[in-house]
N, C-alpha and C. Protein backbone atom coordinates (compact mmCIF):
# COMPACT_ATOMS: atom_id res chain seq x y z
N MET A 1 -8.16 -2.41 9.57
CA MET A 1 -7.83 -2.56 8.18
C MET A 1 -5.85 -3.00 8.59
N ILE A 2 -5.37 -3.38 7.65
CA ILE A 2 -3.78 -3.35 7.91
C ILE A 2 -3.45 -3.42 6.56
N PRO A 3 -2.38 -3.12 6.13
CA PRO A 3 -1.39 -3.14 5.04
C PRO A 3 -1.13 -4.75 4.50
N VAL A 4 -0.95 -4.58 3.12
CA VAL A 4 -0.95 -5.93 3.12
C VAL A 4 0.39 -6.13 1.92
N LYS A 5 0.59 -4.68 1.16
CA LYS A 5 1.45 -4.73 0.22
C LYS A 5 1.44 -3.33 -0.15
N PRO A 6 2.53 -2.50 -0.83
CA PRO A 6 2.53 -1.00 -1.48
C PRO A 6 1.14 -0.46 -1.85
N GLY A 7 0.42 -0.14 -1.64
CA GLY A 7 -0.77 0.47 -2.08
C GLY A 7 -1.96 0.09 -1.87
N GLU A 8 -1.91 -1.22 -0.78
CA GLU A 8 -3.08 -1.79 -0.97
C GLU A 8 -3.11 -2.43 0.68
N LEU A 9 -4.68 -2.21 0.94
CA LEU A 9 -5.14 -2.88 2.47
C LEU A 9 -5.81 -3.64 2.19
N VAL A 10 -5.89 -4.50 3.66
CA VAL A 10 -6.69 -5.39 3.79
C VAL A 10 -8.05 -4.88 4.93
N ILE A 11 -9.27 -5.51 4.48
CA ILE A 11 -10.32 -4.60 5.39
C ILE A 11 -11.17 -5.76 6.03
N SER A 12 -11.62 -6.12 6.90
CA SER A 12 -12.50 -7.30 8.50
C SER A 12 -13.81 -6.37 8.40
N GLY A 13 -14.14 -5.46 7.69
CA GLY A 13 -14.97 -4.54 8.04
C GLY A 13 -16.73 -5.25 8.13
N SER A 14 -16.32 -6.92 7.78
CA SER A 14 -18.25 -7.82 7.77
C SER A 14 -17.83 -8.74 8.55
N LYS A 15 -18.66 -9.27 8.68
CA LYS A 15 -18.89 -10.60 9.52
C LYS A 15 -18.16 -11.90 9.25
N ASN A 16 -18.35 -12.19 7.45
CA ASN A 16 -17.75 -12.93 7.35
C ASN A 16 -17.11 -13.29 5.67
N LYS A 17 -16.57 -11.61 5.28
CA LYS A 17 -15.97 -11.53 4.45
C LYS A 17 -14.55 -10.56 4.54
N ILE A 18 -13.25 -10.67 3.90
CA ILE A 18 -12.32 -9.63 3.62
C ILE A 18 -12.46 -9.08 2.64
N GLN A 19 -11.97 -8.32 2.53
CA GLN A 19 -11.61 -6.89 1.49
C GLN A 19 -10.71 -6.18 1.48
N PHE A 20 -10.29 -6.65 -0.02
CA PHE A 20 -8.74 -5.77 -0.37
C PHE A 20 -8.50 -4.52 -1.18
N LEU A 21 -8.57 -3.50 -0.55
CA LEU A 21 -8.62 -2.00 -0.89
C LEU A 21 -7.41 -1.63 -2.00
N GLU A 22 -7.57 -1.16 -3.41
CA GLU A 22 -6.59 -0.28 -4.00
C GLU A 22 -6.23 0.71 -3.23
N LEU A 23 -5.40 1.83 -2.41
CA LEU A 23 -5.12 3.10 -2.26
C LEU A 23 -5.39 3.88 -4.04
N ASN A 24 -4.50 3.49 -4.78
CA ASN A 24 -4.71 4.41 -5.60
C ASN A 24 -5.74 4.86 -6.18
N THR A 25 -6.74 4.00 -6.39
CA THR A 25 -7.70 4.07 -7.17
C THR A 25 -8.83 4.40 -5.99
N LYS A 26 -9.00 3.83 -5.02
CA LYS A 26 -10.20 3.30 -3.92
C LYS A 26 -10.58 2.48 -4.00
N LYS A 27 -10.53 1.82 -5.09
CA LYS A 27 -11.48 0.64 -5.28
C LYS A 27 -11.39 -0.49 -4.51
N LEU A 28 -12.52 -1.67 -4.55
CA LEU A 28 -12.48 -2.92 -4.29
C LEU A 28 -12.05 -3.52 -4.82
N LYS A 29 -10.38 -4.43 -4.35
CA LYS A 29 -9.93 -5.25 -5.72
C LYS A 29 -10.36 -6.50 -5.66
N GLU A 30 -10.42 -7.22 -4.30
CA GLU A 30 -10.93 -8.53 -4.40
C GLU A 30 -11.84 -8.59 -2.94
N ILE A 31 -12.70 -9.73 -3.04
CA ILE A 31 -13.42 -9.77 -1.88
C ILE A 31 -13.13 -11.44 -1.77
N ILE A 32 -12.85 -12.09 -0.05
CA ILE A 32 -12.94 -13.02 -0.20
C ILE A 32 -13.49 -13.61 0.89
N ASP A 33 -14.76 -14.29 0.67
CA ASP A 33 -15.55 -14.85 1.57
C ASP A 33 -15.17 -15.46 2.84
N ILE A 34 -14.80 -15.66 3.95
CA ILE A 34 -14.73 -16.25 4.75
C ILE A 34 -15.43 -17.47 5.42
N LYS A 35 -16.94 -17.40 5.16
CA LYS A 35 -17.92 -18.41 5.22
C LYS A 35 -18.00 -18.37 7.42
N ARG A 36 -17.75 -17.50 7.78
CA ARG A 36 -18.04 -17.36 8.94
C ARG A 36 -17.36 -16.29 10.12
N ASN A 37 -17.88 -15.92 11.12
CA ASN A 37 -17.62 -15.09 11.81
C ASN A 37 -16.43 -14.72 11.80
N ILE A 38 -15.51 -13.29 11.20
CA ILE A 38 -14.87 -12.82 11.90
C ILE A 38 -14.53 -11.08 12.75
N CYS A 39 -15.72 -10.84 12.29
CA CYS A 39 -16.18 -9.19 13.19
C CYS A 39 -16.15 -9.55 14.30
N PHE A 40 -15.07 -8.77 14.94
CA PHE A 40 -15.00 -9.13 16.73
C PHE A 40 -13.86 -7.20 16.95
N ASP A 41 -14.46 -7.00 17.98
CA ASP A 41 -13.88 -5.47 17.99
C ASP A 41 -12.58 -5.45 18.67
N TYR A 42 -12.00 -6.70 17.92
CA TYR A 42 -10.37 -7.40 17.81
C TYR A 42 -9.86 -7.26 16.54
N CYS A 43 -8.23 -7.07 16.60
CA CYS A 43 -7.42 -6.94 15.61
C CYS A 43 -7.21 -8.29 15.22
N ASN A 44 -7.74 -8.85 14.33
CA ASN A 44 -7.97 -10.42 13.76
C ASN A 44 -7.18 -10.60 12.60
N LEU A 45 -6.27 -9.24 12.01
CA LEU A 45 -5.23 -9.40 10.78
C LEU A 45 -3.94 -9.78 11.17
N CYS A 46 -3.88 -10.32 10.74
CA CYS A 46 -1.64 -9.76 10.89
C CYS A 46 -1.38 -10.37 9.54
N MET A 47 -0.53 -9.94 9.02
CA MET A 47 0.70 -10.75 8.21
C MET A 47 1.55 -11.48 8.68
N MET A 48 1.82 -12.21 8.17
CA MET A 48 3.07 -13.77 8.67
C MET A 48 4.04 -13.46 8.25
N ASN A 49 3.86 -13.09 6.93
CA ASN A 49 4.89 -12.87 6.31
C ASN A 49 4.75 -11.90 4.59
N GLU A 50 5.50 -11.55 3.92
CA GLU A 50 5.41 -10.56 2.46
C GLU A 50 4.00 -11.02 1.85
N ARG A 51 3.72 -12.69 1.83
CA ARG A 51 2.77 -12.90 0.79
C ARG A 51 1.41 -13.87 1.60
N CYS A 52 1.92 -13.93 3.20
CA CYS A 52 0.45 -14.97 3.88
C CYS A 52 -0.01 -13.63 5.06
N LEU A 53 -1.21 -13.74 5.02
CA LEU A 53 -2.14 -12.64 5.72
C LEU A 53 -2.87 -14.08 6.46
N CYS A 54 -2.37 -13.63 7.90
CA CYS A 54 -3.67 -14.60 8.53
C CYS A 54 -4.68 -13.75 9.18
N VAL A 55 -6.16 -14.76 8.86
CA VAL A 55 -7.44 -13.81 9.33
C VAL A 55 -7.68 -14.71 10.41
N GLY A 56 -8.13 -14.29 11.93
CA GLY A 56 -8.23 -15.37 12.60
C GLY A 56 -10.24 -15.11 12.85
N GLY A 57 -10.81 -14.99 14.07
CA GLY A 57 -11.97 -15.09 14.27
C GLY A 57 -12.90 -16.22 14.94
N GLN A 58 -13.57 -16.75 14.31
CA GLN A 58 -14.22 -17.91 15.39
C GLN A 58 -13.87 -19.31 14.92
N ASP A 59 -13.57 -20.44 15.80
CA ASP A 59 -13.30 -21.56 15.53
C ASP A 59 -12.38 -22.06 14.04
N LYS A 60 -11.25 -21.14 13.61
CA LYS A 60 -10.20 -21.21 12.63
C LYS A 60 -9.77 -20.50 12.37
N ILE A 61 -7.84 -20.59 11.98
CA ILE A 61 -7.06 -19.27 11.63
C ILE A 61 -7.39 -19.44 10.10
N MET A 62 -7.55 -18.54 9.05
CA MET A 62 -7.40 -19.06 7.62
C MET A 62 -5.76 -18.46 7.03
N LEU A 63 -5.11 -18.82 6.07
CA LEU A 63 -3.99 -18.51 5.47
C LEU A 63 -4.03 -18.09 4.16
N ILE A 64 -4.28 -16.74 3.61
CA ILE A 64 -4.51 -16.14 2.50
C ILE A 64 -3.49 -15.25 1.84
N ASP A 65 -3.41 -15.82 0.44
CA ASP A 65 -1.93 -15.53 -0.70
C ASP A 65 -2.56 -13.90 -0.66
N VAL A 66 -2.30 -13.05 -0.50
CA VAL A 66 -2.42 -11.55 -0.76
C VAL A 66 -1.48 -11.46 -1.78
N ASP A 67 -0.96 -12.57 -2.72
CA ASP A 67 -0.46 -11.77 -4.58
C ASP A 67 -1.93 -12.51 -5.07
N TYR A 68 -2.45 -13.48 -4.77
CA TYR A 68 -3.04 -14.06 -5.62
C TYR A 68 -4.68 -14.37 -5.34
N LYS A 69 -4.90 -14.07 -3.74
CA LYS A 69 -6.26 -13.55 -3.00
C LYS A 69 -6.88 -14.70 -3.22
N TYR A 70 -6.25 -15.67 -2.33
CA TYR A 70 -6.65 -17.24 -2.28
C TYR A 70 -6.97 -17.57 -1.00
N ILE A 71 -7.52 -18.39 -0.16
CA ILE A 71 -7.05 -19.70 0.96
C ILE A 71 -6.19 -20.35 0.45
N VAL A 72 -4.92 -20.66 1.22
CA VAL A 72 -3.92 -21.15 1.39
C VAL A 72 -3.76 -22.79 2.22
N GLY A 73 -4.69 -22.15 3.30
CA GLY A 73 -4.59 -23.12 4.83
C GLY A 73 -5.53 -22.40 6.00
N GLU A 74 -5.98 -23.54 6.40
CA GLU A 74 -6.79 -23.51 7.88
C GLU A 74 -6.40 -24.24 8.85
N ILE A 75 -5.96 -23.67 10.41
CA ILE A 75 -5.93 -24.12 11.12
C ILE A 75 -7.28 -24.35 12.05
N GLN A 76 -7.72 -25.24 12.55
CA GLN A 76 -9.29 -25.77 13.14
C GLN A 76 -8.66 -25.87 14.56
N GLU A 77 -9.48 -24.80 15.36
CA GLU A 77 -10.05 -24.93 16.81
C GLU A 77 -10.87 -24.39 16.95
N LYS A 78 -11.39 -24.51 18.36
CA LYS A 78 -12.89 -24.38 18.72
C LYS A 78 -12.81 -23.27 19.70
N VAL A 79 -12.18 -21.90 19.19
CA VAL A 79 -11.88 -20.98 20.20
C VAL A 79 -11.68 -19.29 18.99
N ILE A 80 -12.25 -17.95 19.77
CA ILE A 80 -12.28 -17.20 18.80
C ILE A 80 -11.06 -16.68 19.12
N HIS A 81 -9.79 -16.32 17.78
CA HIS A 81 -8.68 -16.08 17.73
C HIS A 81 -9.09 -14.30 17.60
N ILE A 82 -8.85 -13.94 18.11
CA ILE A 82 -9.19 -12.22 18.56
C ILE A 82 -7.66 -11.30 18.38
N CYS A 83 -6.53 -11.85 18.43
CA CYS A 83 -5.38 -10.83 18.00
C CYS A 83 -4.48 -11.57 17.59
N PHE A 84 -3.80 -11.50 17.07
CA PHE A 84 -1.73 -11.67 16.27
C PHE A 84 -1.08 -10.65 16.70
N ILE A 85 -0.28 -11.53 16.78
CA ILE A 85 1.01 -10.28 17.06
C ILE A 85 2.61 -10.98 15.95
N ASN A 86 3.20 -10.83 14.86
CA ASN A 86 4.12 -11.34 14.28
C ASN A 86 5.68 -11.21 14.95
N LEU A 87 5.95 -11.69 15.57
CA LEU A 87 7.41 -11.62 15.96
C LEU A 87 8.54 -11.84 15.41
N ASN A 88 8.54 -12.45 14.03
CA ASN A 88 9.37 -12.87 13.18
C ASN A 88 8.54 -13.58 12.04
N ASN A 89 9.04 -14.31 11.12
CA ASN A 89 8.51 -14.70 10.23
C ASN A 89 8.41 -16.04 10.87
N ASN A 90 8.94 -16.68 11.74
CA ASN A 90 8.71 -17.76 11.93
C ASN A 90 7.71 -18.01 13.68
N ILE A 91 7.59 -16.92 14.18
CA ILE A 91 6.84 -17.25 15.32
C ILE A 91 5.97 -16.52 15.20
N LEU A 92 4.61 -16.84 15.15
CA LEU A 92 3.25 -15.78 15.62
C LEU A 92 2.20 -16.02 16.95
N LEU A 93 1.85 -14.99 17.22
CA LEU A 93 1.10 -15.10 18.89
C LEU A 93 0.02 -14.99 18.51
N VAL A 94 -0.80 -15.92 19.41
CA VAL A 94 -2.15 -15.74 18.65
C VAL A 94 -2.93 -15.53 20.48
N GLY A 95 -3.83 -14.42 20.49
CA GLY A 95 -4.55 -14.52 21.71
C GLY A 95 -5.62 -14.90 21.60
N LYS A 96 -6.27 -15.12 22.25
CA LYS A 96 -7.73 -16.19 22.51
C LYS A 96 -9.06 -15.61 23.00
N ASP A 97 -10.07 -15.80 22.99
CA ASP A 97 -10.84 -15.50 23.82
C ASP A 97 -11.60 -16.15 24.67
N ASN A 98 -10.29 -17.05 25.31
CA ASN A 98 -10.73 -17.61 26.94
C ASN A 98 -9.43 -17.00 27.27
N GLY A 99 -8.33 -16.15 26.76
CA GLY A 99 -7.52 -15.63 27.88
C GLY A 99 -5.83 -16.46 26.98
N ASP A 100 -6.21 -17.66 26.56
CA ASP A 100 -4.95 -18.43 26.29
C ASP A 100 -4.14 -17.50 25.46
N ILE A 101 -2.86 -17.78 25.23
CA ILE A 101 -2.08 -16.87 24.44
C ILE A 101 -1.06 -18.24 23.90
N THR A 102 -1.61 -18.55 22.33
CA THR A 102 -0.66 -20.19 21.95
C THR A 102 0.41 -18.86 20.94
N GLN A 103 1.64 -20.42 20.34
CA GLN A 103 2.76 -19.70 19.94
C GLN A 103 2.02 -20.96 18.21
């Protein structure tokens, strides 16, 4: 889980969905079905900027608007995206299960 905005976390605790948790009420606000396996023992979530969440996992990276809770884009690639690090709003490094790191 990672914070997405003040008072809200995103959780990837299921094989094919992410969930937004409101901290004040401790209730799930939204659930987005990713329709593919994203549950691995890695950090496959990263905020790209204040509104865009990157979700890794199998075969693609999904970009999600955290304000409106919808998928805004996908990047297809036949590997498992296992970790992300945001160096700044313009550079995102992605670690893959084949040992590669891409920008």
